Protein backbone atom coordinates (compact mmCIF):
# COMPACT_ATOMS: atom_id res chain seq x y z
CA UNK A 1 16.57 240.27 123.45
CA UNK A 2 13.10 239.31 121.96
CA UNK A 3 11.64 236.36 124.49
CA UNK A 4 11.87 232.81 123.33
CA UNK A 5 8.78 232.25 122.20
CA UNK A 6 8.69 234.69 118.90
CA UNK A 7 12.27 233.41 117.78
CA UNK A 8 11.48 232.64 114.34
CA UNK A 9 11.27 228.55 113.70
CA UNK A 10 12.78 227.42 111.17
CA UNK A 11 13.20 223.77 109.00
CA UNK A 12 14.26 220.96 111.11
CA UNK A 13 15.46 219.59 108.14
CA UNK A 14 18.06 222.12 107.42
CA UNK A 15 20.57 223.93 109.22
CA UNK A 16 19.53 226.72 109.79
CA UNK A 17 19.89 230.51 109.04
CA UNK A 18 23.15 232.63 109.43
CA UNK A 19 21.46 235.76 110.08
CA UNK A 20 24.00 237.81 111.34
CA UNK A 21 26.59 237.44 108.55
CA UNK A 22 26.26 239.24 104.97
CA UNK A 23 25.29 237.11 102.01
CA UNK A 24 23.24 234.52 104.64
CA UNK A 25 23.13 231.03 103.78
CA UNK A 26 19.72 229.11 103.81
CA UNK A 27 20.29 225.15 104.53
CA UNK A 28 18.06 223.13 101.57
CA UNK A 29 16.93 219.34 102.57
CA UNK A 30 19.47 217.89 100.62
CA UNK A 31 22.48 219.54 101.99
CA UNK A 32 22.96 221.93 99.45
CA UNK A 33 23.20 225.67 100.11
CA UNK A 34 21.11 228.57 98.78
CA UNK A 35 22.92 231.75 97.87
CA UNK A 36 20.83 235.00 99.10
CA UNK A 37 20.49 237.67 96.87
CA UNK A 38 23.79 239.31 94.21
CA UNK A 39 26.78 238.21 94.47
CA UNK A 40 26.08 234.54 93.91
CA UNK A 41 28.97 231.82 94.53
CA UNK A 42 29.15 229.23 90.92
CA UNK A 43 26.62 226.51 91.39
CA UNK A 44 24.07 228.32 94.26
CA UNK A 45 20.49 228.80 93.22
CA UNK A 46 18.55 232.06 93.07
CA UNK A 47 15.91 232.22 95.88
CA UNK A 48 12.49 231.55 94.89
CA UNK A 49 10.19 232.87 97.58
CA UNK A 50 7.03 231.51 98.31
CA UNK A 51 6.11 234.64 101.18
CA UNK A 52 2.47 233.80 102.61
CA UNK A 53 1.85 237.04 104.88
CA UNK A 54 1.28 240.86 103.29
CA UNK A 55 3.68 241.83 105.52
CA UNK A 56 6.72 239.40 104.06
CA UNK A 57 5.89 241.04 101.08
CA UNK A 58 6.07 244.38 101.69
CA UNK A 59 9.28 244.23 103.33
CA UNK A 60 10.90 242.27 100.53
CA UNK A 61 9.37 245.51 97.99
CA UNK A 62 11.65 247.66 100.57
CA UNK A 63 14.22 245.58 100.00
CA UNK A 64 14.42 245.10 96.74
CA UNK A 65 13.89 241.59 96.44
CA UNK A 66 10.12 241.40 94.87
CA UNK A 67 12.45 239.48 91.99
CA UNK A 68 12.95 236.56 94.35
CA UNK A 69 8.90 236.30 94.98
CA UNK A 70 7.01 233.19 92.53
CA UNK A 71 3.91 232.99 94.67
CA UNK A 72 2.41 235.49 97.14
CA UNK A 73 -1.57 235.03 98.42
CA UNK A 74 -4.17 237.96 96.79
CA UNK A 75 -4.14 240.18 100.37
CA UNK A 76 0.08 240.29 99.16
CA UNK A 77 -1.28 241.54 95.98
CA UNK A 78 -4.10 243.55 97.33
CA UNK A 79 -1.18 245.55 99.34
CA UNK A 80 1.02 245.81 96.86
CA UNK A 81 -0.93 246.13 93.58
CA UNK A 82 2.33 246.21 91.04
CA UNK A 83 2.54 242.19 91.58
CA UNK A 84 -0.72 241.45 89.73
CA UNK A 85 1.76 242.05 87.02
CA UNK A 86 4.17 239.95 87.86
CA UNK A 87 2.14 236.32 87.40
CA UNK A 88 3.17 234.99 90.11
CA UNK A 89 1.40 231.97 91.80
CA UNK A 90 -1.76 233.26 94.20
CA UNK A 91 -1.42 230.56 97.06
CA UNK A 92 -3.16 230.76 100.16
CA UNK A 93 -1.79 232.08 103.05
CA UNK A 94 -0.17 230.77 106.91
CA UNK A 95 -3.29 229.37 108.20
CA UNK A 96 -4.67 227.64 105.35
CA UNK A 97 -1.58 227.17 102.57
CA UNK A 98 -1.33 223.09 101.15
CA UNK A 99 1.30 221.02 100.25
CA UNK A 100 0.22 220.80 96.70
CA UNK A 101 0.00 224.52 95.74
CA UNK A 102 3.34 225.43 96.79
CA UNK A 103 4.96 222.47 95.17
CA UNK A 104 3.44 223.18 92.07
CA UNK A 105 6.07 226.50 91.90
CA UNK A 106 8.73 224.92 93.47
CA UNK A 107 9.87 227.52 95.97
CA UNK A 108 13.16 226.89 97.89
CA UNK A 109 12.05 229.06 100.25
CA UNK A 110 8.69 229.59 102.34
CA UNK A 111 8.27 232.81 104.66
CA UNK A 112 5.02 232.44 106.46
CA UNK A 113 3.56 235.02 109.77
CA UNK A 114 1.13 234.61 112.50
CA UNK A 115 -1.71 234.01 111.93
CA UNK A 116 0.03 230.66 110.82
CA UNK A 117 -2.01 226.91 111.35
CA UNK A 118 0.74 224.44 112.26
CA UNK A 119 -0.42 221.57 110.50
CA UNK A 120 -0.42 223.37 107.39
CA UNK A 121 3.05 224.17 107.97
CA UNK A 122 3.63 220.70 108.77
CA UNK A 123 2.43 219.68 105.64
CA UNK A 124 4.68 221.99 104.33
CA UNK A 125 7.91 220.43 106.03
CA UNK A 126 6.63 217.53 105.00
CA UNK A 127 7.19 218.36 101.19
CA UNK A 128 10.94 219.33 102.17
CA UNK A 129 10.55 223.10 101.95
CA UNK A 130 12.20 225.02 104.04
CA UNK A 131 10.24 227.42 105.78
CA UNK A 132 11.18 230.48 107.90
CA UNK A 133 8.31 231.51 110.35
CA UNK A 134 7.95 235.17 112.17
CA UNK A 135 5.77 236.07 114.97
CA UNK A 136 6.72 239.39 116.52
CA UNK A 137 4.99 241.44 119.51
CA UNK A 138 6.59 243.88 119.61
CA UNK A 139 7.80 246.94 117.71
CA UNK A 140 11.40 245.32 118.66
CA UNK A 141 10.64 242.23 116.80
CA UNK A 142 9.65 243.87 113.73
CA UNK A 143 12.73 245.05 113.50
CA UNK A 144 14.76 242.31 114.14
CA UNK A 145 12.46 240.10 111.59
CA UNK A 146 13.19 242.62 109.32
CA UNK A 147 16.65 242.33 109.64
CA UNK A 148 16.43 238.83 109.34
CA UNK A 149 14.86 238.60 106.38
CA UNK A 150 16.91 241.63 104.65
CA UNK A 151 19.84 238.69 106.11
CA UNK A 152 18.15 236.42 103.99
CA UNK A 153 17.87 238.00 100.65
CA UNK A 154 21.28 239.56 101.16
CA UNK A 155 19.69 242.83 101.16
CA UNK A 156 20.86 243.54 104.74
CA UNK A 157 22.07 247.16 104.23
CA UNK A 158 18.34 247.87 102.83
CA UNK A 159 17.54 246.60 106.12
CA UNK A 160 19.33 248.41 108.41
CA UNK A 161 18.03 251.41 106.30
CA UNK A 162 14.33 250.74 106.57
CA UNK A 163 14.93 249.89 110.39
CA UNK A 164 16.05 253.15 110.73
CA UNK A 165 13.64 254.87 109.03
CA UNK A 166 10.38 253.35 111.24
CA UNK A 167 12.75 253.52 114.67
CA UNK A 168 13.90 257.47 113.50
CA UNK A 169 9.93 258.40 112.43
CA UNK A 170 8.36 256.60 115.98
CA UNK A 171 10.87 258.56 117.91
CA UNK A 172 9.68 262.00 116.08
CA UNK A 173 6.16 261.32 117.00
CA UNK A 174 7.38 260.01 120.57
CA UNK A 175 9.10 263.88 120.98
CA UNK A 176 6.33 265.97 119.74
CA UNK A 177 3.31 264.27 121.01
CA UNK A 178 5.72 264.39 124.73
CA UNK A 179 5.20 267.92 124.76
CA UNK A 180 1.23 267.74 125.47
CA UNK A 181 0.78 267.32 129.04
CA UNK A 182 -2.98 265.29 127.43
CA UNK A 183 -2.39 261.61 127.86
CA UNK A 184 -5.88 260.38 126.38
CA UNK A 185 -7.04 256.80 127.58
CA UNK A 186 -7.26 254.83 124.31
CA UNK A 187 -9.32 251.39 123.71
CA UNK A 188 -7.68 249.51 120.22
CA UNK A 189 -10.49 246.81 119.24
CA UNK A 190 -8.60 244.57 116.34
CA UNK A 191 -11.28 242.33 116.11
CA UNK A 192 -15.31 242.55 116.84
CA UNK A 193 -16.60 238.91 117.77
CA UNK A 194 -15.13 238.41 120.35
CA UNK A 195 -13.79 241.30 121.52
CA UNK A 196 -9.92 241.63 120.44
CA UNK A 197 -7.54 244.31 121.95
CA UNK A 198 -4.96 245.59 119.50
CA UNK A 199 -1.07 243.64 119.03
CA UNK A 200 1.39 244.61 121.25
CA UNK A 201 2.95 247.29 118.85
CA UNK A 202 -0.16 249.12 118.81
CA UNK A 203 -0.05 249.56 122.13
CA UNK A 204 4.02 250.93 121.82
CA UNK A 205 2.31 253.34 118.61
CA UNK A 206 -0.57 254.54 120.80
CA UNK A 207 2.10 255.52 123.50
CA UNK A 208 4.20 257.25 120.97
CA UNK A 209 1.41 258.71 119.81
CA UNK A 210 0.98 260.46 123.11
CA UNK A 211 -2.11 258.41 124.76
CA UNK A 212 -2.62 255.72 127.30
CA UNK A 213 -3.22 251.93 126.34
CA UNK A 214 -6.47 250.58 127.80
CA UNK A 215 -6.49 246.47 128.71
CA UNK A 216 -4.12 243.60 127.55
CA UNK A 217 -3.06 243.68 124.63
CA UNK A 218 -4.36 240.33 122.30
CA UNK A 219 -6.29 239.65 124.92
CA UNK A 220 -10.08 239.29 124.59
CA UNK A 221 -12.38 241.80 126.63
CA UNK A 222 -16.04 242.21 126.62
CA UNK A 223 -18.28 245.71 125.42
CA UNK A 224 -19.15 245.79 129.73
CA UNK A 225 -15.40 245.92 130.89
CA UNK A 226 -14.51 248.32 128.14
CA UNK A 227 -17.40 250.04 129.39
CA UNK A 228 -16.09 250.14 132.69
CA UNK A 229 -13.11 252.32 131.94
CA UNK A 230 -14.67 254.68 129.74
CA UNK A 231 -12.31 255.48 127.12
CA UNK A 232 -11.39 259.02 125.99
CA UNK A 233 -10.74 257.63 122.29
CA UNK A 234 -12.39 254.57 120.54
CA UNK A 235 -9.75 253.32 117.63
CA UNK A 236 -11.31 250.29 115.44
CA UNK A 237 -8.65 248.31 113.01
CA UNK A 238 -10.67 244.84 112.55
CA UNK A 239 -8.31 241.95 110.69
CA UNK A 240 -9.63 241.73 107.05
CA UNK A 241 -12.21 244.89 106.79
CA UNK A 242 -9.99 247.27 105.60
CA UNK A 243 -11.62 250.53 106.71
CA UNK A 244 -15.38 248.83 106.93
CA UNK A 245 -15.66 248.71 110.80
CA UNK A 246 -20.12 250.21 110.78
CA UNK A 247 -18.52 252.37 113.73
CA UNK A 248 -22.21 253.54 114.02
CA UNK A 249 -23.58 250.08 114.55
CA UNK A 250 -21.52 249.01 116.80
CA UNK A 251 -21.71 251.29 118.91
CA UNK A 252 -25.31 251.08 118.99
CA UNK A 253 -25.08 247.17 119.93
CA UNK A 254 -22.97 247.42 121.96
CA UNK A 255 -24.84 250.30 123.86
CA UNK A 256 -22.39 252.81 123.94
CA UNK A 257 -23.88 255.85 123.26
CA UNK A 258 -22.98 257.36 126.66
CA UNK A 259 -19.17 256.70 126.79
CA UNK A 260 -17.20 259.54 126.84
CA UNK A 261 -15.26 259.03 123.28
CA UNK A 262 -18.66 258.58 121.56
CA UNK A 263 -19.89 262.32 123.23
CA UNK A 264 -16.66 263.54 122.43
CA UNK A 265 -17.18 262.60 118.77
CA UNK A 266 -13.44 260.90 119.16
CA UNK A 267 -14.55 256.96 117.56
CA UNK A 268 -12.64 256.44 114.58
CA UNK A 269 -11.48 253.43 112.49
CA UNK A 270 -8.27 253.22 111.28
CA UNK A 271 -7.42 250.96 107.81
CA UNK A 272 -6.47 247.10 108.87
CA UNK A 273 -3.41 246.77 107.21
CA UNK A 274 -1.83 250.42 108.94
CA UNK A 275 -2.25 248.32 112.56
CA UNK A 276 -2.37 244.71 112.30
CA UNK A 277 0.42 244.49 109.22
CA UNK A 278 4.13 244.41 111.04
CA UNK A 279 6.13 246.13 108.46
CA UNK A 280 6.20 249.59 107.06
CA UNK A 281 2.40 250.96 107.07
CA UNK A 282 2.36 251.17 110.81
CA UNK A 283 3.70 254.84 110.27
CA UNK A 284 0.70 255.25 108.54
CA UNK A 285 -0.82 253.69 111.59
CA UNK A 286 0.88 255.86 113.76
CA UNK A 287 0.19 259.34 111.94
CA UNK A 288 -3.48 257.97 112.33
CA UNK A 289 -3.43 257.30 116.32
CA UNK A 290 -2.17 260.65 116.61
CA UNK A 291 -4.33 262.79 114.92
CA UNK A 292 -6.91 260.78 116.91
CA UNK A 293 -4.75 261.69 119.88
CA UNK A 294 -3.93 264.82 119.44
CA UNK A 295 -5.39 266.29 116.79
CA UNK A 296 -4.31 269.84 117.57
CA UNK A 297 -0.74 268.85 117.51
CA UNK A 298 -0.69 266.51 114.36
CA UNK A 299 -2.53 266.72 110.73
CA UNK A 300 -5.32 264.64 109.54
CA UNK A 301 -4.91 261.59 108.08
CA UNK A 302 -6.58 261.16 104.96
CA UNK A 303 -7.38 257.58 105.79
CA UNK A 304 -8.48 258.08 109.55
CA UNK A 305 -12.63 257.53 109.64
CA UNK A 306 -14.89 258.83 112.67
CA UNK A 307 -17.94 258.02 113.86
CA UNK A 308 -19.69 261.85 111.90
CA UNK A 309 -18.45 260.40 108.47
CA UNK A 310 -18.41 256.26 109.07
CA UNK A 311 -20.82 254.12 106.92
CA UNK A 312 -23.83 252.92 108.30
């Protein structure tokens, strides 16, 4: 059961969401209801969604509900280039979005996800926009959020299919990696200043790939603390950096030249979107991790960068 700290937050101006019911309804401030997706009853409004995170937009794409979008962030367009041809309003993300820019496109539902700033969400709520905010920590949370979005946009069947695809793909990698008795110790880094361990769902993916995650997921650490563990593998996936982590420079600046991972050439960059987007791109992240953890058992991934091929 998801913890109470990550239960999706909804606008106090509306009754809430019947998340498990077919044709889930979303209350709006004046007491009317929106019908989500196909099969709308007369008098019900179509959804006009503003998505403030790529993970949400990517989920809508897989659920066949991109036509409900009226606004998204530039990061959403980077993640899904086809959006550039849809004449959508480009707005700021969950951290810095403002009431004025959202009111300009008149959404009747704002979908946001971590990281978000409570001041931004409060301003949106004061404008009367219903807001659904997600805060996943684990793979189970991500699956629950996909189901919730599916219920909101009347695409529950597609959501279940997507969750089943994710779960079965992860389990297939887990079963394959279990045949290897070796469990390399893996340091995964989400940010470099300060050093931050990757999120809990990345820990789960590392373990599915047959590795042992080092450290406390999502927490800060230091170069000295990491060096003391002498990891077998170093994985870097900096938020917002794409695949442009300067691996050689990082190793040099931190004095990590003598670490086991460096000596054995097991230092890698995984594209940011593969590990930090809580949606189906995680499967590519898992493929990269599996190739890094057990290179003799899993095929290489074209986007996995190793130290010898990194940008200086």
